[in-house]
N, C-alpha and C. Protein backbone atom coordinates (compact mmCIF):
# COMPACT_ATOMS: atom_id res chain seq x y z
N MET A 1 196.54 -199.59 -9.03
CA MET A 1 196.63 -198.20 -8.57
C MET A 1 195.23 -197.78 -8.54
N LYS A 2 195.16 -196.77 -7.75
CA LYS A 2 193.87 -196.10 -7.52
C LYS A 2 194.12 -194.67 -7.39
N LEU A 3 192.92 -193.97 -7.55
CA LEU A 3 192.96 -192.43 -7.47
C LEU A 3 191.83 -192.02 -6.38
N ILE A 4 192.33 -191.60 -5.25
CA ILE A 4 191.34 -191.19 -4.29
C ILE A 4 191.07 -189.68 -4.37
N SER A 5 189.78 -189.37 -4.60
CA SER A 5 189.36 -188.07 -4.77
C SER A 5 188.40 -187.67 -3.50
N ALA A 6 188.65 -186.77 -2.57
CA ALA A 6 187.94 -186.56 -1.44
C ALA A 6 187.58 -185.14 -1.50
N VAL A 7 186.33 -184.79 -1.26
CA VAL A 7 185.68 -183.37 -1.13
C VAL A 7 185.56 -183.17 0.26
N ILE A 8 186.14 -182.16 0.97
CA ILE A 8 186.07 -181.98 2.41
C ILE A 8 185.84 -180.51 2.71
N LYS A 9 185.53 -180.28 4.00
CA LYS A 9 185.39 -178.85 4.45
C LYS A 9 186.93 -178.32 4.50
N PRO A 10 187.04 -177.11 4.03
CA PRO A 10 188.33 -176.34 3.81
C PRO A 10 189.23 -176.41 5.17
N PHE A 11 188.54 -176.25 6.34
CA PHE A 11 189.38 -176.11 7.56
C PHE A 11 189.85 -177.53 7.93
N LYS A 12 189.49 -178.66 7.44
CA LYS A 12 189.92 -179.97 7.73
C LYS A 12 191.13 -180.36 6.84
N LEU A 13 191.62 -179.47 6.02
CA LEU A 13 192.68 -179.64 4.90
C LEU A 13 194.01 -180.28 5.68
N ASP A 14 194.41 -179.59 6.70
CA ASP A 14 195.78 -179.59 7.37
C ASP A 14 195.65 -181.00 8.04
N GLU A 15 194.64 -181.37 8.63
CA GLU A 15 194.47 -182.60 9.43
C GLU A 15 194.47 -183.82 8.33
N VAL A 16 193.75 -183.54 7.30
CA VAL A 16 193.71 -184.75 6.33
C VAL A 16 195.10 -184.88 5.72
N ARG A 17 195.77 -183.81 5.33
CA ARG A 17 197.18 -183.82 4.83
C ARG A 17 198.12 -184.61 5.72
N GLU A 18 198.17 -184.38 7.12
CA GLU A 18 198.87 -185.00 7.96
C GLU A 18 198.54 -186.43 8.17
N ALA A 19 197.23 -186.63 8.09
CA ALA A 19 196.81 -188.07 8.31
C ALA A 19 197.30 -188.95 7.13
N LEU A 20 197.15 -188.50 5.89
CA LEU A 20 197.64 -189.13 4.76
C LEU A 20 199.16 -189.25 4.67
N SER A 21 199.94 -188.17 5.17
CA SER A 21 201.35 -188.47 5.23
C SER A 21 201.78 -189.64 6.28
N GLY A 22 200.96 -189.56 7.36
CA GLY A 22 201.09 -190.70 8.35
C GLY A 22 200.89 -192.00 8.06
N VAL A 23 200.08 -192.15 7.07
CA VAL A 23 199.95 -193.76 6.49
C VAL A 23 200.72 -193.99 5.25
N GLY A 24 201.66 -192.93 4.66
CA GLY A 24 202.61 -193.29 3.75
C GLY A 24 202.24 -192.80 2.30
N VAL A 25 201.23 -191.95 2.19
CA VAL A 25 200.89 -191.35 0.99
C VAL A 25 202.05 -190.13 0.74
N GLN A 26 202.50 -190.22 -0.35
CA GLN A 26 203.69 -189.29 -0.55
C GLN A 26 203.41 -187.99 -1.38
N GLY A 27 202.35 -187.89 -2.04
CA GLY A 27 201.88 -186.66 -2.61
C GLY A 27 200.39 -186.52 -2.76
N ILE A 28 199.93 -185.23 -2.76
CA ILE A 28 198.50 -185.13 -2.95
C ILE A 28 198.34 -183.74 -3.98
N THR A 29 197.19 -183.64 -4.40
CA THR A 29 196.86 -182.38 -5.28
C THR A 29 195.61 -181.82 -4.41
N VAL A 30 195.67 -180.65 -4.40
CA VAL A 30 194.59 -179.85 -3.56
C VAL A 30 193.98 -178.79 -4.59
N THR A 31 192.60 -178.71 -4.67
CA THR A 31 191.88 -177.74 -5.38
C THR A 31 190.85 -176.96 -4.59
N GLU A 32 190.77 -175.82 -4.66
CA GLU A 32 189.59 -175.30 -4.13
C GLU A 32 188.31 -175.24 -5.08
N VAL A 33 187.24 -175.91 -4.59
CA VAL A 33 185.97 -176.06 -5.33
C VAL A 33 184.92 -175.47 -4.58
N LYS A 34 183.63 -175.48 -5.27
CA LYS A 34 182.46 -175.13 -4.64
C LYS A 34 181.43 -176.27 -4.99
N GLY A 35 180.51 -176.48 -4.29
CA GLY A 35 179.34 -177.36 -4.63
C GLY A 35 178.55 -177.43 -3.37
N PHE A 36 177.45 -178.32 -3.74
CA PHE A 36 176.54 -178.46 -2.59
C PHE A 36 175.93 -179.99 -2.75
N GLY A 37 175.51 -180.60 -1.81
CA GLY A 37 174.80 -181.98 -1.57
C GLY A 37 173.54 -181.74 -0.88
N ARG A 38 173.35 -182.53 0.18
CA ARG A 38 172.15 -182.50 0.94
C ARG A 38 171.99 -181.14 1.60
N GLN A 39 173.06 -180.20 1.93
CA GLN A 39 173.00 -179.12 2.56
C GLN A 39 172.17 -178.07 1.81
N ARG A 40 172.25 -178.08 0.45
CA ARG A 40 171.53 -177.13 -0.37
C ARG A 40 171.85 -175.77 -0.23
N GLY A 41 173.18 -175.35 0.09
CA GLY A 41 173.47 -174.12 0.51
C GLY A 41 172.96 -173.51 1.71
N HIS A 42 173.01 -172.17 1.85
CA HIS A 42 172.52 -171.50 3.08
C HIS A 42 172.13 -170.17 2.67
N THR A 43 171.54 -169.37 3.69
CA THR A 43 171.11 -167.91 3.43
C THR A 43 172.03 -167.13 4.26
N GLU A 44 172.34 -166.04 3.59
CA GLU A 44 173.22 -165.10 4.45
C GLU A 44 172.71 -163.61 4.35
N LEU A 45 173.24 -162.84 5.23
CA LEU A 45 172.82 -161.38 5.15
C LEU A 45 173.95 -160.53 4.91
N TYR A 46 173.68 -159.73 4.05
CA TYR A 46 174.88 -158.81 3.50
C TYR A 46 174.26 -157.33 3.40
N ARG A 47 174.72 -156.38 4.18
CA ARG A 47 174.10 -155.01 4.16
C ARG A 47 172.65 -154.90 4.19
N GLY A 48 172.08 -155.78 4.96
CA GLY A 48 170.74 -155.65 5.08
C GLY A 48 169.80 -156.50 4.22
N ALA A 49 170.48 -157.03 3.23
CA ALA A 49 169.82 -158.03 2.24
C ALA A 49 170.07 -159.38 2.30
N GLU A 50 169.19 -160.20 2.33
CA GLU A 50 169.28 -161.51 2.43
C GLU A 50 169.55 -162.30 1.17
N TYR A 51 170.39 -163.09 0.93
CA TYR A 51 170.68 -163.77 -0.18
C TYR A 51 171.13 -165.35 0.01
N VAL A 52 170.76 -166.17 -1.02
CA VAL A 52 171.14 -167.53 -0.83
C VAL A 52 172.56 -167.82 -1.50
N VAL A 53 173.32 -168.63 -0.80
CA VAL A 53 174.67 -169.05 -1.13
C VAL A 53 174.33 -170.57 -1.72
N ASP A 54 174.28 -170.87 -2.96
CA ASP A 54 173.76 -172.04 -3.47
C ASP A 54 175.12 -173.09 -3.37
N PHE A 55 176.21 -172.63 -3.71
CA PHE A 55 177.43 -173.33 -3.81
C PHE A 55 178.38 -173.06 -2.55
N LEU A 56 178.69 -174.08 -1.75
CA LEU A 56 179.47 -173.69 -0.58
C LEU A 56 180.84 -174.11 -0.87
N PRO A 57 182.06 -173.33 -0.33
CA PRO A 57 183.39 -173.62 -0.40
C PRO A 57 183.79 -175.01 -0.04
N LYS A 58 184.41 -175.65 -0.73
CA LYS A 58 185.06 -176.98 -0.40
C LYS A 58 186.57 -177.00 -0.80
N VAL A 59 187.13 -178.20 -0.30
CA VAL A 59 188.51 -178.44 -0.89
C VAL A 59 188.37 -179.96 -1.57
N LYS A 60 189.10 -179.95 -2.75
CA LYS A 60 189.12 -181.42 -3.24
C LYS A 60 190.55 -181.86 -3.16
N VAL A 61 190.76 -183.09 -2.47
CA VAL A 61 192.17 -183.64 -2.21
C VAL A 61 192.04 -184.83 -3.23
N GLU A 62 193.21 -184.95 -3.94
CA GLU A 62 193.28 -186.15 -4.83
C GLU A 62 194.81 -186.83 -4.49
N ALA A 63 194.58 -188.09 -4.37
CA ALA A 63 195.98 -188.77 -4.20
C ALA A 63 195.88 -190.09 -4.88
N ALA A 64 196.86 -190.29 -5.72
CA ALA A 64 197.21 -191.56 -6.34
C ALA A 64 197.97 -192.54 -5.51
N VAL A 65 197.38 -193.79 -5.19
CA VAL A 65 198.00 -194.66 -4.21
C VAL A 65 198.07 -196.06 -4.77
N ASP A 66 198.91 -196.78 -4.31
CA ASP A 66 199.01 -198.31 -4.71
C ASP A 66 197.82 -198.96 -3.80
N GLU A 67 197.35 -200.07 -4.39
CA GLU A 67 196.23 -200.79 -3.59
C GLU A 67 196.46 -201.19 -2.33
N VAL A 68 197.80 -201.30 -2.02
CA VAL A 68 198.27 -201.75 -0.67
C VAL A 68 197.83 -200.74 0.46
N LEU A 69 197.94 -199.52 0.02
CA LEU A 69 197.64 -198.27 0.92
C LEU A 69 196.17 -197.88 0.79
N LEU A 70 195.58 -198.33 -0.06
CA LEU A 70 194.11 -197.71 -0.27
C LEU A 70 193.14 -197.72 1.01
N ASP A 71 193.02 -198.88 1.58
CA ASP A 71 192.11 -198.89 2.81
C ASP A 71 192.77 -197.96 3.83
N ARG A 72 193.92 -197.85 4.09
CA ARG A 72 194.44 -196.96 5.13
C ARG A 72 194.48 -195.55 4.73
N ALA A 73 194.37 -195.41 3.44
CA ALA A 73 194.43 -193.89 3.21
C ALA A 73 192.90 -193.41 3.23
N ILE A 74 191.99 -194.26 2.85
CA ILE A 74 190.51 -193.90 3.08
C ILE A 74 190.14 -193.68 4.41
N GLU A 75 190.60 -194.56 5.36
CA GLU A 75 190.30 -194.46 6.76
C GLU A 75 190.93 -193.30 7.28
N ALA A 76 192.08 -192.88 6.89
CA ALA A 76 192.77 -191.62 7.43
C ALA A 76 191.91 -190.48 6.94
N ILE A 77 191.37 -190.36 5.72
CA ILE A 77 190.62 -189.24 5.47
C ILE A 77 189.28 -189.44 6.12
N GLU A 78 188.76 -190.30 6.16
CA GLU A 78 187.55 -190.47 6.94
C GLU A 78 187.43 -189.73 8.48
N LYS A 79 188.69 -190.31 9.12
CA LYS A 79 188.89 -189.89 10.39
C LYS A 79 189.12 -188.39 10.75
N SER A 80 190.01 -188.03 9.78
CA SER A 80 190.45 -186.60 9.91
C SER A 80 189.57 -185.62 9.31
N ALA A 81 188.75 -185.94 8.40
CA ALA A 81 187.72 -185.00 7.78
C ALA A 81 186.52 -185.01 8.32
N ARG A 82 186.07 -185.95 9.35
CA ARG A 82 184.78 -186.08 9.98
C ARG A 82 184.68 -184.96 11.13
N THR A 83 183.51 -184.38 11.05
CA THR A 83 183.09 -183.31 11.99
C THR A 83 181.66 -183.90 12.71
N GLY A 84 181.05 -184.63 12.07
CA GLY A 84 179.72 -185.32 12.61
C GLY A 84 178.65 -184.48 12.16
N LYS A 85 178.99 -183.50 11.34
CA LYS A 85 177.82 -182.53 10.89
C LYS A 85 177.52 -182.69 9.41
N ILE A 86 176.35 -182.27 9.00
CA ILE A 86 176.10 -182.19 7.53
C ILE A 86 177.26 -181.50 6.76
N GLY A 87 177.60 -181.97 5.57
CA GLY A 87 178.41 -181.29 4.61
C GLY A 87 180.10 -181.69 4.82
N ASP A 88 180.27 -182.80 5.73
CA ASP A 88 181.48 -183.34 5.92
C ASP A 88 182.17 -183.76 4.52
N GLY A 89 181.45 -184.12 3.41
CA GLY A 89 182.02 -184.45 2.26
C GLY A 89 181.84 -185.74 1.84
N LYS A 90 182.55 -186.14 0.72
CA LYS A 90 182.71 -187.42 0.16
C LYS A 90 183.92 -187.92 -0.41
N ILE A 91 184.19 -189.29 -0.37
CA ILE A 91 185.36 -189.76 -0.84
C ILE A 91 185.03 -190.67 -2.12
N PHE A 92 185.78 -190.42 -3.27
CA PHE A 92 185.59 -191.18 -4.35
C PHE A 92 186.87 -191.95 -4.76
N VAL A 93 186.74 -193.22 -5.32
CA VAL A 93 187.84 -193.98 -5.57
C VAL A 93 187.85 -194.44 -7.10
N PHE A 94 188.78 -194.21 -7.85
CA PHE A 94 188.81 -194.48 -9.20
C PHE A 94 189.94 -195.49 -9.62
N ASP A 95 189.69 -196.34 -10.59
CA ASP A 95 190.91 -197.09 -11.02
C ASP A 95 191.88 -196.19 -11.91
N LEU A 96 193.22 -196.40 -11.72
CA LEU A 96 194.25 -195.84 -12.62
C LEU A 96 194.83 -196.91 -13.44
N SER A 97 194.67 -196.62 -14.78
CA SER A 97 195.15 -197.57 -15.73
C SER A 97 196.72 -197.48 -15.95
N GLN A 98 197.14 -196.29 -15.88
CA GLN A 98 198.49 -195.99 -16.03
C GLN A 98 198.85 -194.62 -15.40
N VAL A 99 200.17 -194.58 -14.83
CA VAL A 99 200.72 -193.29 -14.21
C VAL A 99 202.11 -193.34 -14.80
N ILE A 100 202.45 -192.21 -15.23
CA ILE A 100 203.78 -191.86 -15.85
C ILE A 100 204.36 -190.59 -15.10
N ARG A 101 205.60 -190.72 -14.62
CA ARG A 101 206.51 -189.57 -14.17
C ARG A 101 206.99 -188.95 -15.36
N ILE A 102 206.58 -187.74 -15.53
CA ILE A 102 207.12 -186.97 -16.76
C ILE A 102 208.73 -186.80 -16.79
N ARG A 103 209.31 -186.49 -15.61
CA ARG A 103 210.65 -186.00 -15.51
C ARG A 103 211.60 -187.37 -15.95
N THR A 104 211.11 -188.53 -15.55
CA THR A 104 212.06 -189.58 -15.61
C THR A 104 211.63 -190.70 -16.63
N GLY A 105 210.26 -190.67 -16.88
CA GLY A 105 209.63 -191.59 -17.83
C GLY A 105 209.26 -192.96 -17.03
N GLU A 106 209.32 -192.87 -15.82
CA GLU A 106 208.91 -194.13 -14.91
C GLU A 106 207.46 -194.33 -15.19
N THR A 107 206.96 -195.51 -15.30
CA THR A 107 205.56 -195.83 -15.25
C THR A 107 205.04 -196.72 -14.03
N GLY A 108 203.89 -196.81 -13.84
CA GLY A 108 203.28 -197.64 -12.92
C GLY A 108 203.50 -197.21 -11.50
N LYS A 109 203.67 -198.28 -10.61
CA LYS A 109 203.97 -198.06 -9.30
C LYS A 109 205.28 -197.17 -9.00
N ASP A 110 206.23 -197.45 -9.92
CA ASP A 110 207.49 -196.67 -9.78
C ASP A 110 207.20 -194.99 -9.84
N ALA A 111 206.21 -194.75 -10.71
CA ALA A 111 205.84 -193.43 -11.08
C ALA A 111 205.21 -192.61 -9.81
N LEU A 112 204.71 -193.41 -8.93
CA LEU A 112 203.99 -192.79 -7.63
C LEU A 112 205.04 -192.33 -6.78
């Protein structure tokens, strides 16, 4: 079992959700986050004053998947989140040692 954690542009969330559903991912967790990478933020103008926005708004999408779905899920995120411009985001993959469904007590793949 693997945990996919992807940081993407907020306006790409619906496309990523649909793409993951299309490859068989049954559930995701979405968190609004802020951060920066190579973009290093940007400058904005507010009431005539210029200021630097260091942390840009992003969305973090997490999905626990069986290893059988891993490559298809990663590919789905890549294709649906890509704009071709700087700041498209990152995908991280972690090993999951155990998953437990709280309601039923199911563990492992059955809990997904």
